[in-house]
Amino acid sequence: MSKELTAIIKSEGDGYVALCPEVDVASQGDTVAEARANLREALALFFESASETEIEQRFCPEVYVTRVEVAVG
């Protein structure tokens, strides 16, 4: 079985941080591709090792990623 989850990747320092907001799992890498691959691995390990109860407690099925415009300065 597989799940399609959200990956939010942002630059941080000299690398990139990747976050899956549905289960609050994060990873990092030197490139976007590496951060994404490392997040995929971290998610696989999470689903492999977490109990059904922990997965149910952490899983947030409604995640919305959007952009908003705001006045600054």
PDB file of N, CA and C in Angstrom:
ATOM      1  N   MET A   1       0.843  -1.179   0.000  1.00  0.00           N
ATOM      2  CA  MET A   1       0.000   0.000   0.000  1.00  0.00           C
ATOM      3  C   MET A   1       0.888   1.243   0.000  1.00  0.00           C
ATOM      4  N   SER A   2       0.433   2.281  -0.637  1.00  0.00           N
ATOM      5  CA  SER A   2       1.189   3.529  -0.624  1.00  0.00           C
ATOM      6  C   SER A   2       0.238   4.691  -0.385  1.00  0.00           C
ATOM      7  N   LYS A   3       0.813   5.784   0.086  1.00  0.00           N
ATOM      8  CA  LYS A   3       0.066   7.017   0.343  1.00  0.00           C
ATOM      9  C   LYS A   3       0.755   8.139  -0.401  1.00  0.00           C
ATOM     10  N   GLU A   4      -0.016   9.071  -0.925  1.00  0.00           N
ATOM     11  CA  GLU A   4       0.561  10.275  -1.496  1.00  0.00           C
ATOM     12  C   GLU A   4       0.481  11.358  -0.435  1.00  0.00           C
ATOM     13  N   LEU A   5       1.636  11.875  -0.036  1.00  0.00           N
ATOM     14  CA  LEU A   5       1.723  12.858   1.032  1.00  0.00           C
ATOM     15  C   LEU A   5       2.345  14.149   0.514  1.00  0.00           C
ATOM     16  N   THR A   6       2.239  15.193   1.293  1.00  0.00           N
ATOM     17  CA  THR A   6       2.771  16.500   0.931  1.00  0.00           C
ATOM     18  C   THR A   6       4.223  16.615   1.381  1.00  0.00           C
ATOM     19  N   ALA A   7       5.047  17.195   0.518  1.00  0.00           N
ATOM     20  CA  ALA A   7       6.431  17.508   0.873  1.00  0.00           C
ATOM     21  C   ALA A   7       6.621  19.005   0.671  1.00  0.00           C
ATOM     22  N   ILE A   8       6.930  19.710   1.738  1.00  0.00           N
ATOM     23  CA  ILE A   8       7.242  21.133   1.664  1.00  0.00           C
ATOM     24  C   ILE A   8       8.752  21.249   1.826  1.00  0.00           C
ATOM     25  N   ILE A   9       9.394  21.814   0.824  1.00  0.00           N
ATOM     26  CA  ILE A   9      10.850  21.903   0.841  1.00  0.00           C
ATOM     27  C   ILE A   9      11.248  23.370   0.752  1.00  0.00           C
ATOM     28  N   LYS A  10      12.121  23.788   1.671  1.00  0.00           N
ATOM     29  CA  LYS A  10      12.590  25.172   1.646  1.00  0.00           C
ATOM     30  C   LYS A  10      14.090  25.205   1.874  1.00  0.00           C
ATOM     31  N   SER A  11      14.705  26.245   1.324  1.00  0.00           N
ATOM     32  CA  SER A  11      16.143  26.389   1.525  1.00  0.00           C
ATOM     33  C   SER A  11      16.399  26.874   2.940  1.00  0.00           C
ATOM     34  N   GLU A  12      17.466  26.364   3.500  1.00  0.00           N
ATOM     35  CA  GLU A  12      17.862  26.769   4.849  1.00  0.00           C
ATOM     36  C   GLU A  12      19.375  26.665   4.931  1.00  0.00           C
ATOM     37  N   GLY A  13      20.026  27.800   5.101  1.00  0.00           N
ATOM     38  CA  GLY A  13      21.490  27.803   5.134  1.00  0.00           C
ATOM     39  C   GLY A  13      22.032  27.350   3.792  1.00  0.00           C
ATOM     40  N   ASP A  14      22.914  26.368   3.819  1.00  0.00           N
ATOM     41  CA  ASP A  14      23.516  25.840   2.594  1.00  0.00           C
ATOM     42  C   ASP A  14      22.762  24.652   2.025  1.00  0.00           C
ATOM     43  N   GLY A  15      21.642  24.284   2.622  1.00  0.00           N
ATOM     44  CA  GLY A  15      20.917  23.107   2.168  1.00  0.00           C
ATOM     45  C   GLY A  15      19.424  23.341   2.112  1.00  0.00           C
ATOM     46  N   TYR A  16      18.690  22.247   2.225  1.00  0.00           N
ATOM     47  CA  TYR A  16      17.237  22.282   2.127  1.00  0.00           C
ATOM     48  C   TYR A  16      16.617  21.424   3.222  1.00  0.00           C
ATOM     49  N   VAL A  17      15.480  21.872   3.722  1.00  0.00           N
ATOM     50  CA  VAL A  17      14.720  21.137   4.728  1.00  0.00           C
ATOM     51  C   VAL A  17      13.420  20.702   4.085  1.00  0.00           C
ATOM     52  N   ALA A  18      13.050  19.460   4.289  1.00  0.00           N
ATOM     53  CA  ALA A  18      11.814  18.904   3.736  1.00  0.00           C
ATOM     54  C   ALA A  18      10.911  18.483   4.883  1.00  0.00           C
ATOM     55  N   LEU A  19       9.646  18.851   4.805  1.00  0.00           N
ATOM     56  CA  LEU A  19       8.671  18.548   5.852  1.00  0.00           C
ATOM     57  C   LEU A  19       7.440  17.911   5.245  1.00  0.00           C
ATOM     58  N   CYS A  20       6.948  16.876   5.889  1.00  0.00           N
ATOM     59  CA  CYS A  20       5.662  16.284   5.548  1.00  0.00           C
ATOM     60  C   CYS A  20       4.687  16.686   6.649  1.00  0.00           C
ATOM     61  N   PRO A  21       3.803  17.649   6.384  1.00  0.00           N
ATOM     62  CA  PRO A  21       2.920  18.142   7.438  1.00  0.00           C
ATOM     63  C   PRO A  21       1.836  17.155   7.877  1.00  0.00           C
ATOM     64  N   GLU A  22       1.497  16.187   7.039  1.00  0.00           N
ATOM     65  CA  GLU A  22       0.463  15.226   7.434  1.00  0.00           C
ATOM     66  C   GLU A  22       0.833  14.434   8.678  1.00  0.00           C
ATOM     67  N   VAL A  23       2.119  14.114   8.831  1.00  0.00           N
ATOM     68  CA  VAL A  23       2.559  13.320   9.989  1.00  0.00           C
ATOM     69  C   VAL A  23       3.691  13.990  10.767  1.00  0.00           C
ATOM     70  N   ASP A  24       4.025  15.230  10.392  1.00  0.00           N
ATOM     71  CA  ASP A  24       5.062  16.003  11.075  1.00  0.00           C
ATOM     72  C   ASP A  24       6.400  15.274  11.105  1.00  0.00           C
ATOM     73  N   VAL A  25       6.830  14.834   9.928  1.00  0.00           N
ATOM     74  CA  VAL A  25       8.134  14.194   9.769  1.00  0.00           C
ATOM     75  C   VAL A  25       8.964  15.102   8.874  1.00  0.00           C
ATOM     76  N   ALA A  26      10.232  15.299   9.242  1.00  0.00           N
ATOM     77  CA  ALA A  26      11.097  16.185   8.475  1.00  0.00           C
ATOM     78  C   ALA A  26      12.441  15.517   8.202  1.00  0.00           C
ATOM     79  N   SER A  27      13.124  16.035   7.186  1.00  0.00           N
ATOM     80  CA  SER A  27      14.472  15.599   6.876  1.00  0.00           C
ATOM     81  C   SER A  27      15.178  16.755   6.180  1.00  0.00           C
ATOM     82  N   GLN A  28      16.385  16.516   5.702  1.00  0.00           N
ATOM     83  CA  GLN A  28      17.145  17.579   5.060  1.00  0.00           C
ATOM     84  C   GLN A  28      18.086  16.988   4.031  1.00  0.00           C
ATOM     85  N   GLY A  29      18.669  17.861   3.216  1.00  0.00           N
ATOM     86  CA  GLY A  29      19.642  17.431   2.219  1.00  0.00           C
ATOM     87  C   GLY A  29      20.360  18.623   1.631  1.00  0.00           C
ATOM     88  N   ASP A  30      21.402  18.351   0.883  1.00  0.00           N
ATOM     89  CA  ASP A  30      22.193  19.412   0.261  1.00  0.00           C
ATOM     90  C   ASP A  30      21.507  19.997  -0.969  1.00  0.00           C
ATOM     91  N   THR A  31      20.623  19.227  -1.601  1.00  0.00           N
ATOM     92  CA  THR A  31      19.873  19.680  -2.771  1.00  0.00           C
ATOM     93  C   THR A  31      18.393  19.401  -2.534  1.00  0.00           C
ATOM     94  N   VAL A  32      17.547  19.977  -3.381  1.00  0.00           N
ATOM     95  CA  VAL A  32      16.112  19.707  -3.280  1.00  0.00           C
ATOM     96  C   VAL A  32      15.854  18.217  -3.473  1.00  0.00           C
ATOM     97  N   ALA A  33      16.491  17.623  -4.473  1.00  0.00           N
ATOM     98  CA  ALA A  33      16.287  16.199  -4.752  1.00  0.00           C
ATOM     99  C   ALA A  33      16.730  15.337  -3.567  1.00  0.00           C
ATOM    100  N   GLU A  34      17.848  15.677  -2.962  1.00  0.00           N
ATOM    101  CA  GLU A  34      18.339  14.912  -1.817  1.00  0.00           C
ATOM    102  C   GLU A  34      17.414  15.075  -0.617  1.00  0.00           C
ATOM    103  N   ALA A  35      16.938  16.287  -0.374  1.00  0.00           N
ATOM    104  CA  ALA A  35      16.013  16.520   0.743  1.00  0.00           C
ATOM    105  C   ALA A  35      14.731  15.726   0.534  1.00  0.00           C
ATOM    106  N   ARG A  36      14.240  15.701  -0.692  1.00  0.00           N
ATOM    107  CA  ARG A  36      13.018  14.939  -1.007  1.00  0.00           C
ATOM    108  C   ARG A  36      13.244  13.438  -0.810  1.00  0.00           C
ATOM    109  N   ALA A  37      14.363  12.929  -1.304  1.00  0.00           N
ATOM    110  CA  ALA A  37      14.683  11.505  -1.145  1.00  0.00           C
ATOM    111  C   ALA A  37      14.850  11.144   0.330  1.00  0.00           C
ATOM    112  N   ASN A  38      15.511  12.019   1.089  1.00  0.00           N
ATOM    113  CA  ASN A  38      15.707  11.758   2.517  1.00  0.00           C
ATOM    114  C   ASN A  38      14.376  11.799   3.266  1.00  0.00           C
ATOM    115  N   LEU A  39      13.475  12.695   2.847  1.00  0.00           N
ATOM    116  CA  LEU A  39      12.147  12.739   3.468  1.00  0.00           C
ATOM    117  C   LEU A  39      11.387  11.463   3.156  1.00  0.00           C
ATOM    118  N   ARG A  40      11.458  10.996   1.933  1.00  0.00           N
ATOM    119  CA  ARG A  40      10.795   9.744   1.566  1.00  0.00           C
ATOM    120  C   ARG A  40      11.304   8.594   2.444  1.00  0.00           C
ATOM    121  N   GLU A  41      12.603   8.542   2.654  1.00  0.00           N
ATOM    122  CA  GLU A  41      13.194   7.500   3.508  1.00  0.00           C
ATOM    123  C   GLU A  41      12.720   7.650   4.960  1.00  0.00           C
ATOM    124  N   ALA A  42      12.702   8.882   5.465  1.00  0.00           N
ATOM    125  CA  ALA A  42      12.246   9.122   6.838  1.00  0.00           C
ATOM    126  C   ALA A  42      10.778   8.725   6.998  1.00  0.00           C
ATOM    127  N   LEU A  43       9.965   9.021   5.994  1.00  0.00           N
ATOM    128  CA  LEU A  43       8.552   8.635   6.049  1.00  0.00           C
ATOM    129  C   LEU A  43       8.384   7.115   6.031  1.00  0.00           C
ATOM    130  N   ALA A  44       9.160   6.456   5.185  1.00  0.00           N
ATOM    131  CA  ALA A  44       9.093   4.990   5.138  1.00  0.00           C
ATOM    132  C   ALA A  44       9.457   4.392   6.490  1.00  0.00           C
ATOM    133  N   LEU A  45      10.503   4.922   7.116  1.00  0.00           N
ATOM    134  CA  LEU A  45      10.904   4.435   8.441  1.00  0.00           C
ATOM    135  C   LEU A  45       9.833   4.727   9.483  1.00  0.00           C
ATOM    136  N   PHE A  46       9.210   5.912   9.396  1.00  0.00           N
ATOM    137  CA  PHE A  46       8.138   6.245  10.333  1.00  0.00           C
ATOM    138  C   PHE A  46       6.994   5.248  10.214  1.00  0.00           C
ATOM    139  N   PHE A  47       6.511   5.019   8.999  1.00  0.00           N
ATOM    140  CA  PHE A  47       5.372   4.115   8.823  1.00  0.00           C
ATOM    141  C   PHE A  47       5.738   2.668   9.137  1.00  0.00           C
ATOM    142  N   GLU A  48       6.994   2.326   8.976  1.00  0.00           N
ATOM    143  CA  GLU A  48       7.469   0.981   9.297  1.00  0.00           C
ATOM    144  C   GLU A  48       7.553   0.742  10.805  1.00  0.00           C
ATOM    145  N   SER A  49       7.948   1.773  11.556  1.00  0.00           N
ATOM    146  CA  SER A  49       8.216   1.579  12.979  1.00  0.00           C
ATOM    147  C   SER A  49       7.118   2.084  13.919  1.00  0.00           C
ATOM    148  N   ALA A  50       6.286   3.011  13.461  1.00  0.00           N
ATOM    149  CA  ALA A  50       5.246   3.572  14.340  1.00  0.00           C
ATOM    150  C   ALA A  50       4.087   2.596  14.496  1.00  0.00           C
ATOM    151  N   SER A  51       3.476   2.636  15.658  1.00  0.00           N
ATOM    152  CA  SER A  51       2.298   1.805  15.887  1.00  0.00           C
ATOM    153  C   SER A  51       1.106   2.405  15.149  1.00  0.00           C
ATOM    154  N   GLU A  52       0.089   1.612  14.928  1.00  0.00           N
ATOM    155  CA  GLU A  52      -1.133   2.108  14.282  1.00  0.00           C
ATOM    156  C   GLU A  52      -1.719   3.274  15.075  1.00  0.00           C
ATOM    157  N   THR A  53      -1.636   3.189  16.390  1.00  0.00           N
ATOM    158  CA  THR A  53      -2.161   4.254  17.245  1.00  0.00           C
ATOM    159  C   THR A  53      -1.405   5.551  17.017  1.00  0.00           C
ATOM    160  N   GLU A  54      -0.079   5.481  16.972  1.00  0.00           N
ATOM    161  CA  GLU A  54       0.718   6.686  16.751  1.00  0.00           C
ATOM    162  C   GLU A  54       0.434   7.280  15.378  1.00  0.00           C
ATOM    163  N   ILE A  55       0.320   6.436  14.372  1.00  0.00           N
ATOM    164  CA  ILE A  55       0.019   6.924  13.030  1.00  0.00           C
ATOM    165  C   ILE A  55      -1.333   7.626  13.023  1.00  0.00           C
ATOM    166  N   GLU A  56      -2.325   7.035  13.636  1.00  0.00           N
ATOM    167  CA  GLU A  56      -3.664   7.640  13.695  1.00  0.00           C
ATOM    168  C   GLU A  56      -3.637   8.971  14.441  1.00  0.00           C
ATOM    169  N   GLN A  57      -2.887   9.038  15.542  1.00  0.00           N
ATOM    170  CA  GLN A  57      -2.822  10.266  16.336  1.00  0.00           C
ATOM    171  C   GLN A  57      -2.114  11.393  15.589  1.00  0.00           C
ATOM    172  N   ARG A  58      -1.083  11.059  14.828  1.00  0.00           N
ATOM    173  CA  ARG A  58      -0.288  12.079  14.154  1.00  0.00           C
ATOM    174  C   ARG A  58      -0.827  12.460  12.788  1.00  0.00           C
ATOM    175  N   PHE A  59      -1.579  11.573  12.155  1.00  0.00           N
ATOM    176  CA  PHE A  59      -2.001  11.816  10.779  1.00  0.00           C
ATOM    177  C   PHE A  59      -3.060  12.906  10.692  1.00  0.00           C
ATOM    178  N   CYS A  60      -2.776  13.895   9.887  1.00  0.00           N
ATOM    179  CA  CYS A  60      -3.692  15.016   9.642  1.00  0.00           C
ATOM    180  C   CYS A  60      -4.031  14.991   8.151  1.00  0.00           C
ATOM    181  N   PRO A  61      -5.200  14.463   7.798  1.00  0.00           N
ATOM    182  CA  PRO A  61      -5.510  14.266   6.386  1.00  0.00           C
ATOM    183  C   PRO A  61      -5.802  15.550   5.608  1.00  0.00           C
ATOM    184  N   GLU A  62      -6.127  16.626   6.289  1.00  0.00           N
ATOM    185  CA  GLU A  62      -6.453  17.869   5.596  1.00  0.00           C
ATOM    186  C   GLU A  62      -5.323  18.876   5.737  1.00  0.00           C
ATOM    187  N   VAL A  63      -4.485  18.928   4.726  1.00  0.00           N
ATOM    188  CA  VAL A  63      -3.379  19.873   4.677  1.00  0.00           C
ATOM    189  C   VAL A  63      -3.570  20.706   3.425  1.00  0.00           C
ATOM    190  N   TYR A  64      -3.566  22.003   3.591  1.00  0.00           N
ATOM    191  CA  TYR A  64      -3.743  22.909   2.466  1.00  0.00           C
ATOM    192  C   TYR A  64      -2.489  23.759   2.317  1.00  0.00           C
ATOM    193  N   VAL A  65      -1.921  23.739   1.146  1.00  0.00           N
ATOM    194  CA  VAL A  65      -0.747  24.550   0.863  1.00  0.00           C
ATOM    195  C   VAL A  65      -1.186  25.597  -0.150  1.00  0.00           C
ATOM    196  N   THR A  66      -1.048  26.833   0.210  1.00  0.00           N
ATOM    197  CA  THR A  66      -1.469  27.934  -0.652  1.00  0.00           C
ATOM    198  C   THR A  66      -0.557  29.124  -0.409  1.00  0.00           C
ATOM    199  N   ARG A  67      -0.704  30.117  -1.230  1.00  0.00           N
ATOM    200  CA  ARG A  67       0.074  31.343  -1.056  1.00  0.00           C
ATOM    201  C   ARG A  67      -0.899  32.471  -0.729  1.00  0.00           C
ATOM    202  N   VAL A  68      -0.446  33.395   0.072  1.00  0.00           N
ATOM    203  CA  VAL A  68      -1.251  34.564   0.414  1.00  0.00           C
ATOM    204  C   VAL A  68      -0.416  35.813   0.164  1.00  0.00           C
ATOM    205  N   GLU A  69      -1.090  36.877  -0.192  1.00  0.00           N
ATOM    206  CA  GLU A  69      -0.414  38.152  -0.402  1.00  0.00           C
ATOM    207  C   GLU A  69      -0.671  39.029   0.807  1.00  0.00           C
ATOM    208  N   VAL A  70       0.386  39.670   1.292  1.00  0.00           N
ATOM    209  CA  VAL A  70       0.268  40.523   2.471  1.00  0.00           C
ATOM    210  C   VAL A  70       1.143  41.762   2.266  1.00  0.00           C
ATOM    211  N   ALA A  71       0.655  42.885   2.713  1.00  0.00           N
ATOM    212  CA  ALA A  71       1.444  44.125   2.619  1.00  0.00           C
ATOM    213  C   ALA A  71       2.575  44.101   3.633  1.00  0.00           C
ATOM    214  N   VAL A  72       3.740  44.484   3.219  1.00  0.00           N
ATOM    215  CA  VAL A  72       4.903  44.571   4.128  1.00  0.00           C
ATOM    216  C   VAL A  72       5.516  45.950   3.996  1.00  0.00           C
ATOM    217  N   GLY A  73       6.052  46.417   5.103  1.00  0.00           N
ATOM    218  CA  GLY A  73       6.755  47.686   5.098  1.00  0.00           C
ATOM    219  C   GLY A  73       5.918  48.856   4.983  1.00  0.00           C
TER     220      GLY A  73
END
